[in-house]
Amino acid sequence: DDLDRKTVIIEDSLAYSLFDLSPKNSIGEFVKIEGEYFEIVGIIKVKATSSTDDPEEYYRQSRCYIPEKTLEELGNKNSFGST
């Protein structure tokens, strides 16, 4: 329903690293993505893995999720020859 708003859902680990807040307290805060401000509207809790044997999991970066339409607009904005 947030197709006309710049919204984002972030992983809980990203909330801790960006705001040093509990994840639920970061809802309503803003993050800057590709020069645009996005309102945090949700948090996804990521299950921590206990294995450090998997280098892919060890170096895994936190993720954020934006509406598909917004992603397309960002892609168009950053493409050569697009406005």
PDB file of N, CA and C in Angstrom:
ATOM      1  N   ASP A   1       0.813  -1.205   0.000  1.00  0.00           N
ATOM      2  CA  ASP A   1       0.000   0.000   0.000  1.00  0.00           C
ATOM      3  C   ASP A   1       0.852   1.263   0.000  1.00  0.00           C
ATOM      4  N   ASP A   2       2.133   1.137   0.236  1.00  0.00           N
ATOM      5  CA  ASP A   2       3.013   2.306   0.319  1.00  0.00           C
ATOM      6  C   ASP A   2       3.705   2.599  -1.007  1.00  0.00           C
ATOM      7  N   LEU A   3       3.023   2.355  -2.121  1.00  0.00           N
ATOM      8  CA  LEU A   3       3.661   2.528  -3.416  1.00  0.00           C
ATOM      9  C   LEU A   3       4.027   3.980  -3.702  1.00  0.00           C
ATOM     10  N   ASP A   4       3.294   4.927  -3.152  1.00  0.00           N
ATOM     11  CA  ASP A   4       3.575   6.335  -3.422  1.00  0.00           C
ATOM     12  C   ASP A   4       4.472   6.972  -2.371  1.00  0.00           C
ATOM     13  N   ARG A   5       4.827   6.222  -1.351  1.00  0.00           N
ATOM     14  CA  ARG A   5       5.702   6.718  -0.293  1.00  0.00           C
ATOM     15  C   ARG A   5       7.048   6.022  -0.389  1.00  0.00           C
ATOM     16  N   LYS A   6       8.057   6.688   0.076  1.00  0.00           N
ATOM     17  CA  LYS A   6       9.388   6.073   0.129  1.00  0.00           C
ATOM     18  C   LYS A   6       9.528   5.401   1.480  1.00  0.00           C
ATOM     19  N   THR A   7       9.294   4.094   1.489  1.00  0.00           N
ATOM     20  CA  THR A   7       9.340   3.328   2.726  1.00  0.00           C
ATOM     21  C   THR A   7      10.345   2.201   2.592  1.00  0.00           C
ATOM     22  N   VAL A   8      10.770   1.693   3.731  1.00  0.00           N
ATOM     23  CA  VAL A   8      11.759   0.624   3.749  1.00  0.00           C
ATOM     24  C   VAL A   8      11.505  -0.269   4.954  1.00  0.00           C
ATOM     25  N   ILE A   9      11.793  -1.538   4.779  1.00  0.00           N
ATOM     26  CA  ILE A   9      11.805  -2.498   5.882  1.00  0.00           C
ATOM     27  C   ILE A   9      13.255  -2.929   6.026  1.00  0.00           C
ATOM     28  N   ILE A  10      13.768  -2.892   7.248  1.00  0.00           N
ATOM     29  CA  ILE A  10      15.178  -3.227   7.464  1.00  0.00           C
ATOM     30  C   ILE A  10      15.305  -4.411   8.417  1.00  0.00           C
ATOM     31  N   GLU A  11      16.459  -5.045   8.366  1.00  0.00           N
ATOM     32  CA  GLU A  11      16.753  -6.126   9.299  1.00  0.00           C
ATOM     33  C   GLU A  11      17.111  -5.533  10.655  1.00  0.00           C
ATOM     34  N   ASP A  12      16.833  -6.294  11.713  1.00  0.00           N
ATOM     35  CA  ASP A  12      17.064  -5.805  13.068  1.00  0.00           C
ATOM     36  C   ASP A  12      18.521  -5.418  13.315  1.00  0.00           C
ATOM     37  N   SER A  13      19.448  -6.143  12.735  1.00  0.00           N
ATOM     38  CA  SER A  13      20.865  -5.818  12.929  1.00  0.00           C
ATOM     39  C   SER A  13      21.216  -4.453  12.353  1.00  0.00           C
ATOM     40  N   LEU A  14      20.548  -4.078  11.272  1.00  0.00           N
ATOM     41  CA  LEU A  14      20.779  -2.772  10.670  1.00  0.00           C
ATOM     42  C   LEU A  14      20.236  -1.660  11.564  1.00  0.00           C
ATOM     43  N   ALA A  15      19.106  -1.908  12.214  1.00  0.00           N
ATOM     44  CA  ALA A  15      18.543  -0.924  13.145  1.00  0.00           C
ATOM     45  C   ALA A  15      19.524  -0.668  14.289  1.00  0.00           C
ATOM     46  N   TYR A  16      20.112  -1.734  14.818  1.00  0.00           N
ATOM     47  CA  TYR A  16      21.084  -1.570  15.906  1.00  0.00           C
ATOM     48  C   TYR A  16      22.303  -0.777  15.446  1.00  0.00           C
ATOM     49  N   SER A  17      22.819  -1.095  14.260  1.00  0.00           N
ATOM     50  CA  SER A  17      24.049  -0.432  13.815  1.00  0.00           C
ATOM     51  C   SER A  17      23.820   1.008  13.370  1.00  0.00           C
ATOM     52  N   LEU A  18      22.650   1.324  12.822  1.00  0.00           N
ATOM     53  CA  LEU A  18      22.397   2.686  12.360  1.00  0.00           C
ATOM     54  C   LEU A  18      21.990   3.630  13.483  1.00  0.00           C
ATOM     55  N   PHE A  19      21.151   3.149  14.387  1.00  0.00           N
ATOM     56  CA  PHE A  19      20.543   4.041  15.367  1.00  0.00           C
ATOM     57  C   PHE A  19      20.917   3.724  16.803  1.00  0.00           C
ATOM     58  N   ASP A  20      21.527   2.583  17.037  1.00  0.00           N
ATOM     59  CA  ASP A  20      21.834   2.140  18.397  1.00  0.00           C
ATOM     60  C   ASP A  20      20.558   2.135  19.251  1.00  0.00           C
ATOM     61  N   LEU A  21      19.455   1.759  18.595  1.00  0.00           N
ATOM     62  CA  LEU A  21      18.157   1.679  19.256  1.00  0.00           C
ATOM     63  C   LEU A  21      17.647   0.259  19.164  1.00  0.00           C
ATOM     64  N   SER A  22      16.698  -0.077  20.022  1.00  0.00           N
ATOM     65  CA  SER A  22      16.041  -1.354  19.824  1.00  0.00           C
ATOM     66  C   SER A  22      15.304  -1.260  18.494  1.00  0.00           C
ATOM     67  N   PRO A  23      15.187  -2.363  17.775  1.00  0.00           N
ATOM     68  CA  PRO A  23      14.561  -2.307  16.458  1.00  0.00           C
ATOM     69  C   PRO A  23      13.188  -1.646  16.448  1.00  0.00           C
ATOM     70  N   LYS A  24      12.338  -1.938  17.432  1.00  0.00           N
ATOM     71  CA  LYS A  24      10.992  -1.358  17.396  1.00  0.00           C
ATOM     72  C   LYS A  24      11.030   0.155  17.535  1.00  0.00           C
ATOM     73  N   ASN A  25      12.050   0.699  18.181  1.00  0.00           N
ATOM     74  CA  ASN A  25      12.171   2.150  18.327  1.00  0.00           C
ATOM     75  C   ASN A  25      12.695   2.828  17.068  1.00  0.00           C
ATOM     76  N   SER A  26      13.193   2.064  16.112  1.00  0.00           N
ATOM     77  CA  SER A  26      13.684   2.673  14.876  1.00  0.00           C
ATOM     78  C   SER A  26      12.577   2.853  13.838  1.00  0.00           C
ATOM     79  N   ILE A  27      11.396   2.267  14.080  1.00  0.00           N
ATOM     80  CA  ILE A  27      10.266   2.477  13.171  1.00  0.00           C
ATOM     81  C   ILE A  27       9.875   3.945  13.218  1.00  0.00           C
ATOM     82  N   GLY A  28       9.738   4.535  12.047  1.00  0.00           N
ATOM     83  CA  GLY A  28       9.446   5.965  11.943  1.00  0.00           C
ATOM     84  C   GLY A  28      10.685   6.803  11.697  1.00  0.00           C
ATOM     85  N   GLU A  29      11.872   6.221  11.915  1.00  0.00           N
ATOM     86  CA  GLU A  29      13.123   6.913  11.604  1.00  0.00           C
ATOM     87  C   GLU A  29      13.330   6.890  10.084  1.00  0.00           C
ATOM     88  N   PHE A  30      14.316   7.644   9.613  1.00  0.00           N
ATOM     89  CA  PHE A  30      14.594   7.711   8.180  1.00  0.00           C
ATOM     90  C   PHE A  30      16.020   7.262   7.889  1.00  0.00           C
ATOM     91  N   VAL A  31      16.192   6.612   6.735  1.00  0.00           N
ATOM     92  CA  VAL A  31      17.515   6.236   6.239  1.00  0.00           C
ATOM     93  C   VAL A  31      17.666   6.796   4.827  1.00  0.00           C
ATOM     94  N   LYS A  32      18.888   7.092   4.464  1.00  0.00           N
ATOM     95  CA  LYS A  32      19.163   7.651   3.147  1.00  0.00           C
ATOM     96  C   LYS A  32      19.669   6.537   2.235  1.00  0.00           C
ATOM     97  N   ILE A  33      18.975   6.349   1.125  1.00  0.00           N
ATOM     98  CA  ILE A  33      19.329   5.334   0.128  1.00  0.00           C
ATOM     99  C   ILE A  33      19.413   6.026  -1.218  1.00  0.00           C
ATOM    100  N   GLU A  34      20.566   5.946  -1.865  1.00  0.00           N
ATOM    101  CA  GLU A  34      20.760   6.560  -3.185  1.00  0.00           C
ATOM    102  C   GLU A  34      20.315   8.022  -3.195  1.00  0.00           C
ATOM    103  N   GLY A  35      20.628   8.751  -2.117  1.00  0.00           N
ATOM    104  CA  GLY A  35      20.319  10.170  -2.046  1.00  0.00           C
ATOM    105  C   GLY A  35      18.886  10.515  -1.691  1.00  0.00           C
ATOM    106  N   GLU A  36      18.054   9.509  -1.441  1.00  0.00           N
ATOM    107  CA  GLU A  36      16.649   9.717  -1.097  1.00  0.00           C
ATOM    108  C   GLU A  36      16.410   9.236   0.332  1.00  0.00           C
ATOM    109  N   TYR A  37      15.527   9.919   1.053  1.00  0.00           N
ATOM    110  CA  TYR A  37      15.199   9.503   2.412  1.00  0.00           C
ATOM    111  C   TYR A  37      13.995   8.561   2.406  1.00  0.00           C
ATOM    112  N   PHE A  38      14.129   7.462   3.134  1.00  0.00           N
ATOM    113  CA  PHE A  38      13.088   6.447   3.239  1.00  0.00           C
ATOM    114  C   PHE A  38      12.701   6.285   4.703  1.00  0.00           C
ATOM    115  N   GLU A  39      11.393   6.191   4.940  1.00  0.00           N
ATOM    116  CA  GLU A  39      10.899   5.981   6.293  1.00  0.00           C
ATOM    117  C   GLU A  39      10.884   4.490   6.618  1.00  0.00           C
ATOM    118  N   ILE A  40      11.418   4.141   7.763  1.00  0.00           N
ATOM    119  CA  ILE A  40      11.407   2.743   8.212  1.00  0.00           C
ATOM    120  C   ILE A  40      10.001   2.421   8.711  1.00  0.00           C
ATOM    121  N   VAL A  41       9.370   1.441   8.059  1.00  0.00           N
ATOM    122  CA  VAL A  41       8.003   1.061   8.423  1.00  0.00           C
ATOM    123  C   VAL A  41       7.927  -0.349   8.993  1.00  0.00           C
ATOM    124  N   GLY A  42       9.042  -1.059   8.984  1.00  0.00           N
ATOM    125  CA  GLY A  42       9.036  -2.412   9.526  1.00  0.00           C
ATOM    126  C   GLY A  42      10.431  -2.931   9.776  1.00  0.00           C
ATOM    127  N   ILE A  43      10.492  -3.942  10.632  1.00  0.00           N
ATOM    128  CA  ILE A  43      11.762  -4.576  11.007  1.00  0.00           C
ATOM    129  C   ILE A  43      11.614  -6.081  10.818  1.00  0.00           C
ATOM    130  N   ILE A  44      12.633  -6.686  10.246  1.00  0.00           N
ATOM    131  CA  ILE A  44      12.668  -8.135  10.100  1.00  0.00           C
ATOM    132  C   ILE A  44      13.730  -8.676  11.047  1.00  0.00           C
ATOM    133  N   LYS A  45      13.334  -9.613  11.875  1.00  0.00           N
ATOM    134  CA  LYS A  45      14.289 -10.251  12.775  1.00  0.00           C
ATOM    135  C   LYS A  45      14.979 -11.379  12.016  1.00  0.00           C
ATOM    136  N   VAL A  46      16.285 -11.330  11.994  1.00  0.00           N
ATOM    137  CA  VAL A  46      17.073 -12.334  11.292  1.00  0.00           C
ATOM    138  C   VAL A  46      17.642 -13.306  12.307  1.00  0.00           C
ATOM    139  N   LYS A  47      17.434 -14.568  12.059  1.00  0.00           N
ATOM    140  CA  LYS A  47      17.938 -15.595  12.957  1.00  0.00           C
ATOM    141  C   LYS A  47      19.463 -15.654  12.843  1.00  0.00           C
ATOM    142  N   ALA A  48      20.104 -15.454  13.960  1.00  0.00           N
ATOM    143  CA  ALA A  48      21.565 -15.500  13.990  1.00  0.00           C
ATOM    144  C   ALA A  48      22.037 -16.935  13.835  1.00  0.00           C
ATOM    145  N   THR A  49      23.095 -17.107  13.079  1.00  0.00           N
ATOM    146  CA  THR A  49      23.671 -18.440  12.934  1.00  0.00           C
ATOM    147  C   THR A  49      24.819 -18.578  13.902  1.00  0.00           C
ATOM    148  N   SER A  50      24.976 -19.759  14.423  1.00  0.00           N
ATOM    149  CA  SER A  50      26.046 -19.985  15.393  1.00  0.00           C
ATOM    150  C   SER A  50      27.318 -20.495  14.733  1.00  0.00           C
ATOM    151  N   SER A  51      27.230 -20.806  13.453  1.00  0.00           N
ATOM    152  CA  SER A  51      28.387 -21.358  12.763  1.00  0.00           C
ATOM    153  C   SER A  51      29.237 -20.246  12.167  1.00  0.00           C
ATOM    154  N   THR A  52      30.498 -20.223  12.514  1.00  0.00           N
ATOM    155  CA  THR A  52      31.428 -19.274  11.895  1.00  0.00           C
ATOM    156  C   THR A  52      32.235 -19.964  10.810  1.00  0.00           C
ATOM    157  N   ASP A  53      31.876 -21.229  10.511  1.00  0.00           N
ATOM    158  CA  ASP A  53      32.585 -21.971   9.476  1.00  0.00           C
ATOM    159  C   ASP A  53      32.173 -21.535   8.076  1.00  0.00           C
ATOM    160  N   ASP A  54      31.005 -20.924   7.948  1.00  0.00           N
ATOM    161  CA  ASP A  54      30.503 -20.495   6.650  1.00  0.00           C
ATOM    162  C   ASP A  54      30.918 -19.045   6.402  1.00  0.00           C
ATOM    163  N   PRO A  55      31.907 -18.815   5.540  1.00  0.00           N
ATOM    164  CA  PRO A  55      32.382 -17.443   5.311  1.00  0.00           C
ATOM    165  C   PRO A  55      31.292 -16.539   4.745  1.00  0.00           C
ATOM    166  N   GLU A  56      30.375 -17.104   3.983  1.00  0.00           N
ATOM    167  CA  GLU A  56      29.297 -16.312   3.416  1.00  0.00           C
ATOM    168  C   GLU A  56      28.417 -15.720   4.522  1.00  0.00           C
ATOM    169  N   GLU A  57      28.120 -16.489   5.540  1.00  0.00           N
ATOM    170  CA  GLU A  57      27.327 -16.002   6.669  1.00  0.00           C
ATOM    171  C   GLU A  57      28.138 -15.035   7.530  1.00  0.00           C
ATOM    172  N   TYR A  58      29.424 -15.281   7.655  1.00  0.00           N
ATOM    173  CA  TYR A  58      30.271 -14.430   8.491  1.00  0.00           C
ATOM    174  C   TYR A  58      30.334 -13.010   7.937  1.00  0.00           C
ATOM    175  N   TYR A  59      30.420 -12.896   6.611  1.00  0.00           N
ATOM    176  CA  TYR A  59      30.553 -11.589   5.973  1.00  0.00           C
ATOM    177  C   TYR A  59      29.239 -11.041   5.442  1.00  0.00           C
ATOM    178  N   ARG A  60      28.128 -11.674   5.776  1.00  0.00           N
ATOM    179  CA  ARG A  60      26.826 -11.267   5.283  1.00  0.00           C
ATOM    180  C   ARG A  60      26.489  -9.858   5.770  1.00  0.00           C
ATOM    181  N   GLN A  61      26.012  -9.028   4.851  1.00  0.00           N
ATOM    182  CA  GLN A  61      25.614  -7.667   5.208  1.00  0.00           C
ATOM    183  C   GLN A  61      24.119  -7.632   5.470  1.00  0.00           C
ATOM    184  N   SER A  62      23.710  -6.716   6.322  1.00  0.00           N
ATOM    185  CA  SER A  62      22.289  -6.531   6.603  1.00  0.00           C
ATOM    186  C   SER A  62      21.578  -6.072   5.336  1.00  0.00           C
ATOM    187  N   ARG A  63      20.306  -6.405   5.262  1.00  0.00           N
ATOM    188  CA  ARG A  63      19.528  -6.071   4.075  1.00  0.00           C
ATOM    189  C   ARG A  63      18.380  -5.139   4.425  1.00  0.00           C
ATOM    190  N   CYS A  64      17.926  -4.431   3.398  1.00  0.00           N
ATOM    191  CA  CYS A  64      16.717  -3.624   3.530  1.00  0.00           C
ATOM    192  C   CYS A  64      15.849  -3.916   2.312  1.00  0.00           C
ATOM    193  N   TYR A  65      14.566  -3.662   2.458  1.00  0.00           N
ATOM    194  CA  TYR A  65      13.598  -3.994   1.420  1.00  0.00           C
ATOM    195  C   TYR A  65      12.732  -2.780   1.139  1.00  0.00           C
ATOM    196  N   ILE A  66      12.646  -2.409  -0.156  1.00  0.00           N
ATOM    197  CA  ILE A  66      11.815  -1.285  -0.558  1.00  0.00           C
ATOM    198  C   ILE A  66      10.798  -1.790  -1.577  1.00  0.00           C
ATOM    199  N   PRO A  67       9.678  -1.052  -1.764  1.00  0.00           N
ATOM    200  CA  PRO A  67       8.694  -1.484  -2.746  1.00  0.00           C
ATOM    201  C   PRO A  67       9.306  -1.605  -4.145  1.00  0.00           C
ATOM    202  N   GLU A  68       8.828  -2.561  -4.906  1.00  0.00           N
ATOM    203  CA  GLU A  68       9.367  -2.823  -6.243  1.00  0.00           C
ATOM    204  C   GLU A  68       9.279  -1.597  -7.144  1.00  0.00           C
ATOM    205  N   LYS A  69       8.174  -0.888  -7.087  1.00  0.00           N
ATOM    206  CA  LYS A  69       7.999   0.318  -7.909  1.00  0.00           C
ATOM    207  C   LYS A  69       9.065   1.359  -7.565  1.00  0.00           C
ATOM    208  N   THR A  70       9.345   1.521  -6.300  1.00  0.00           N
ATOM    209  CA  THR A  70      10.360   2.476  -5.857  1.00  0.00           C
ATOM    210  C   THR A  70      11.738   2.054  -6.336  1.00  0.00           C
ATOM    211  N   LEU A  71      12.012   0.756  -6.281  1.00  0.00           N
ATOM    212  CA  LEU A  71      13.289   0.242  -6.768  1.00  0.00           C
ATOM    213  C   LEU A  71      13.456   0.538  -8.252  1.00  0.00           C
ATOM    214  N   GLU A  72      12.397   0.351  -9.022  1.00  0.00           N
ATOM    215  CA  GLU A  72      12.453   0.654 -10.457  1.00  0.00           C
ATOM    216  C   GLU A  72      12.714   2.135 -10.694  1.00  0.00           C
ATOM    217  N   GLU A  73      12.058   2.995  -9.902  1.00  0.00           N
ATOM    218  CA  GLU A  73      12.273   4.433 -10.040  1.00  0.00           C
ATOM    219  C   GLU A  73      13.707   4.810  -9.712  1.00  0.00           C
ATOM    220  N   LEU A  74      14.275   4.212  -8.678  1.00  0.00           N
ATOM    221  CA  LEU A  74      15.676   4.472  -8.343  1.00  0.00           C
ATOM    222  C   LEU A  74      16.585   4.010  -9.458  1.00  0.00           C
ATOM    223  N   GLY A  75      16.286   2.852 -10.039  1.00  0.00           N
ATOM    224  CA  GLY A  75      17.081   2.334 -11.153  1.00  0.00           C
ATOM    225  C   GLY A  75      17.018   3.242 -12.348  1.00  0.00           C
ATOM    226  N   ASN A  76      15.836   3.764 -12.648  1.00  0.00           N
ATOM    227  CA  ASN A  76      15.682   4.680 -13.778  1.00  0.00           C
ATOM    228  C   ASN A  76      16.411   5.986 -13.523  1.00  0.00           C
ATOM    229  N   LYS A  77      16.343   6.459 -12.299  1.00  0.00           N
ATOM    230  CA  LYS A  77      16.991   7.718 -11.936  1.00  0.00           C
ATOM    231  C   LYS A  77      18.501   7.623 -12.092  1.00  0.00           C
ATOM    232  N   ASN A  78      19.056   6.450 -11.802  1.00  0.00           N
ATOM    233  CA  ASN A  78      20.501   6.281 -11.814  1.00  0.00           C
ATOM    234  C   ASN A  78      21.030   5.701 -13.123  1.00  0.00           C
ATOM    235  N   SER A  79      20.139   5.437 -14.086  1.00  0.00           N
ATOM    236  CA  SER A  79      20.578   4.915 -15.382  1.00  0.00           C
ATOM    237  C   SER A  79      21.075   6.053 -16.262  1.00  0.00           C
ATOM    238  N   PHE A  80      22.004   5.733 -17.140  1.00  0.00           N
ATOM    239  CA  PHE A  80      22.502   6.745 -18.071  1.00  0.00           C
ATOM    240  C   PHE A  80      21.375   7.167 -19.005  1.00  0.00           C
ATOM    241  N   GLY A  81      21.211   8.473 -19.196  1.00  0.00           N
ATOM    242  CA  GLY A  81      20.212   8.996 -20.116  1.00  0.00           C
ATOM    243  C   GLY A  81      18.811   9.080 -19.535  1.00  0.00           C
ATOM    244  N   SER A  82      18.621   8.691 -18.273  1.00  0.00           N
ATOM    245  CA  SER A  82      17.300   8.767 -17.657  1.00  0.00           C
ATOM    246  C   SER A  82      17.231   9.948 -16.709  1.00  0.00           C
ATOM    247  N   THR A  83      16.021  10.379 -16.421  1.00  0.00           N
ATOM    248  CA  THR A  83      15.852  11.474 -15.472  1.00  0.00           C
ATOM    249  C   THR A  83      15.185  10.983 -14.224  1.00  0.00           C
TER     250      THR A  83
END
